[in-house]
Amino acid sequence: MNASLAAKILLIDNPAMTLQDLQAAADSLALDPKAEDAFWAGAREQAPTLYPGW
């Protein structure tokens, strides 16, 4: 599973996740910088209104 897909699945399974929850998930995955970028891109794609400043 790639990092982008992981973020999308997390948000589908837990629609009430906060940015802090997502950060904790990203930290627990110990992603390299490229994978972390993909994780956040997937999170933004799945929940674009989660944080309007993105």
N, C-alpha and C. Protein backbone atom coordinates (compact mmCIF):
# COMPACT_ATOMS: atom_id res chain seq x y z
N MET A 1 0.86 -1.17 0.00
CA MET A 1 0.00 0.00 0.00
C MET A 1 0.90 1.24 0.00
N ASN A 2 0.55 2.20 -0.82
CA ASN A 2 1.36 3.41 -0.83
C ASN A 2 0.82 4.41 0.20
N ALA A 3 1.59 5.43 0.47
CA ALA A 3 1.27 6.39 1.53
C ALA A 3 0.01 7.19 1.21
N SER A 4 -0.19 7.54 -0.04
CA SER A 4 -1.39 8.29 -0.43
C SER A 4 -2.64 7.46 -0.15
N LEU A 5 -2.61 6.21 -0.52
CA LEU A 5 -3.73 5.31 -0.29
C LEU A 5 -3.96 5.11 1.21
N ALA A 6 -2.89 5.03 1.98
CA ALA A 6 -3.02 4.88 3.44
C ALA A 6 -3.78 6.06 4.04
N ALA A 7 -3.46 7.26 3.62
CA ALA A 7 -4.16 8.45 4.13
C ALA A 7 -5.63 8.41 3.75
N LYS A 8 -5.92 8.04 2.52
CA LYS A 8 -7.31 7.98 2.08
C LYS A 8 -8.10 6.96 2.88
N ILE A 9 -7.51 5.79 3.11
CA ILE A 9 -8.19 4.75 3.87
C ILE A 9 -8.41 5.19 5.31
N LEU A 10 -7.41 5.83 5.91
CA LEU A 10 -7.57 6.34 7.28
C LEU A 10 -8.76 7.29 7.36
N LEU A 11 -8.87 8.18 6.40
CA LEU A 11 -9.95 9.16 6.43
C LEU A 11 -11.31 8.56 6.09
N ILE A 12 -11.33 7.55 5.26
CA ILE A 12 -12.59 6.87 4.96
C ILE A 12 -13.07 6.10 6.19
N ASP A 13 -12.13 5.40 6.85
CA ASP A 13 -12.49 4.61 8.02
C ASP A 13 -12.80 5.47 9.24
N ASN A 14 -12.19 6.67 9.30
CA ASN A 14 -12.34 7.56 10.46
C ASN A 14 -12.62 8.98 9.97
N PRO A 15 -13.84 9.25 9.51
CA PRO A 15 -14.12 10.56 8.92
C PRO A 15 -13.98 11.74 9.90
N ALA A 16 -13.94 11.47 11.18
CA ALA A 16 -13.82 12.55 12.17
C ALA A 16 -12.36 12.82 12.56
N MET A 17 -11.41 12.27 11.81
CA MET A 17 -9.99 12.49 12.14
C MET A 17 -9.65 13.97 12.05
N THR A 18 -8.79 14.39 12.94
CA THR A 18 -8.30 15.77 12.94
C THR A 18 -6.92 15.79 12.31
N LEU A 19 -6.41 16.99 12.09
CA LEU A 19 -5.04 17.10 11.58
C LEU A 19 -4.05 16.47 12.54
N GLN A 20 -4.29 16.63 13.84
CA GLN A 20 -3.40 16.03 14.83
C GLN A 20 -3.42 14.51 14.73
N ASP A 21 -4.59 13.94 14.50
CA ASP A 21 -4.70 12.49 14.33
C ASP A 21 -3.92 12.04 13.09
N LEU A 22 -4.07 12.80 12.01
CA LEU A 22 -3.34 12.45 10.79
C LEU A 22 -1.84 12.58 10.98
N GLN A 23 -1.40 13.60 11.71
CA GLN A 23 0.03 13.77 11.97
C GLN A 23 0.56 12.60 12.79
N ALA A 24 -0.20 12.17 13.77
CA ALA A 24 0.20 11.02 14.58
C ALA A 24 0.30 9.76 13.71
N ALA A 25 -0.65 9.59 12.80
CA ALA A 25 -0.62 8.44 11.90
C ALA A 25 0.59 8.50 10.99
N ALA A 26 0.87 9.67 10.44
CA ALA A 26 2.03 9.83 9.57
C ALA A 26 3.32 9.55 10.35
N ASP A 27 3.39 10.04 11.58
CA ASP A 27 4.58 9.79 12.40
C ASP A 27 4.75 8.31 12.71
N SER A 28 3.65 7.62 12.97
CA SER A 28 3.73 6.20 13.32
C SER A 28 4.16 5.35 12.12
N LEU A 29 3.92 5.85 10.91
CA LEU A 29 4.32 5.11 9.72
C LEU A 29 5.80 5.27 9.38
N ALA A 30 6.46 6.24 10.02
CA ALA A 30 7.89 6.50 9.79
C ALA A 30 8.19 6.62 8.29
N LEU A 31 7.51 7.53 7.64
CA LEU A 31 7.62 7.71 6.19
C LEU A 31 8.87 8.51 5.83
N ASP A 32 9.43 8.19 4.68
CA ASP A 32 10.50 9.03 4.16
C ASP A 32 9.85 10.29 3.60
N PRO A 33 10.63 11.35 3.33
CA PRO A 33 10.02 12.62 2.90
C PRO A 33 9.12 12.51 1.67
N LYS A 34 9.51 11.72 0.69
CA LYS A 34 8.70 11.57 -0.52
C LYS A 34 7.37 10.89 -0.19
N ALA A 35 7.42 9.85 0.61
CA ALA A 35 6.20 9.14 1.00
C ALA A 35 5.32 10.02 1.88
N GLU A 36 5.93 10.83 2.73
CA GLU A 36 5.13 11.73 3.58
C GLU A 36 4.40 12.76 2.72
N ASP A 37 5.06 13.26 1.69
CA ASP A 37 4.39 14.18 0.77
C ASP A 37 3.19 13.50 0.12
N ALA A 38 3.36 12.25 -0.27
CA ALA A 38 2.26 11.49 -0.88
C ALA A 38 1.13 11.27 0.13
N PHE A 39 1.49 11.02 1.38
CA PHE A 39 0.49 10.83 2.43
C PHE A 39 -0.38 12.08 2.55
N TRP A 40 0.27 13.24 2.64
CA TRP A 40 -0.50 14.49 2.80
C TRP A 40 -1.27 14.85 1.54
N ALA A 41 -0.75 14.51 0.37
CA ALA A 41 -1.49 14.73 -0.87
C ALA A 41 -2.76 13.88 -0.88
N GLY A 42 -2.64 12.64 -0.43
CA GLY A 42 -3.82 11.77 -0.34
C GLY A 42 -4.83 12.28 0.67
N ALA A 43 -4.33 12.80 1.79
CA ALA A 43 -5.23 13.35 2.81
C ALA A 43 -5.97 14.56 2.26
N ARG A 44 -5.26 15.44 1.56
CA ARG A 44 -5.90 16.62 0.98
C ARG A 44 -6.93 16.23 -0.08
N GLU A 45 -6.62 15.21 -0.85
CA GLU A 45 -7.55 14.76 -1.89
C GLU A 45 -8.82 14.17 -1.26
N GLN A 46 -8.66 13.40 -0.20
CA GLN A 46 -9.80 12.74 0.44
C GLN A 46 -10.63 13.72 1.26
N ALA A 47 -9.98 14.69 1.91
CA ALA A 47 -10.70 15.61 2.79
C ALA A 47 -10.22 17.04 2.56
N PRO A 48 -10.58 17.63 1.43
CA PRO A 48 -10.07 18.97 1.10
C PRO A 48 -10.52 20.07 2.05
N THR A 49 -11.61 19.86 2.76
CA THR A 49 -12.08 20.88 3.68
C THR A 49 -11.59 20.70 5.11
N LEU A 50 -10.79 19.66 5.33
CA LEU A 50 -10.29 19.39 6.67
C LEU A 50 -9.53 20.59 7.22
N TYR A 51 -8.74 21.19 6.38
CA TYR A 51 -7.98 22.38 6.79
C TYR A 51 -7.92 23.29 5.58
N PRO A 52 -8.71 24.37 5.56
CA PRO A 52 -8.82 25.20 4.37
C PRO A 52 -7.52 25.90 3.96
N GLY A 53 -6.54 25.98 4.83
CA GLY A 53 -5.28 26.65 4.49
C GLY A 53 -4.33 25.81 3.66
N TRP A 54 -4.72 24.57 3.34
CA TRP A 54 -3.83 23.71 2.57
C TRP A 54 -3.69 24.20 1.17
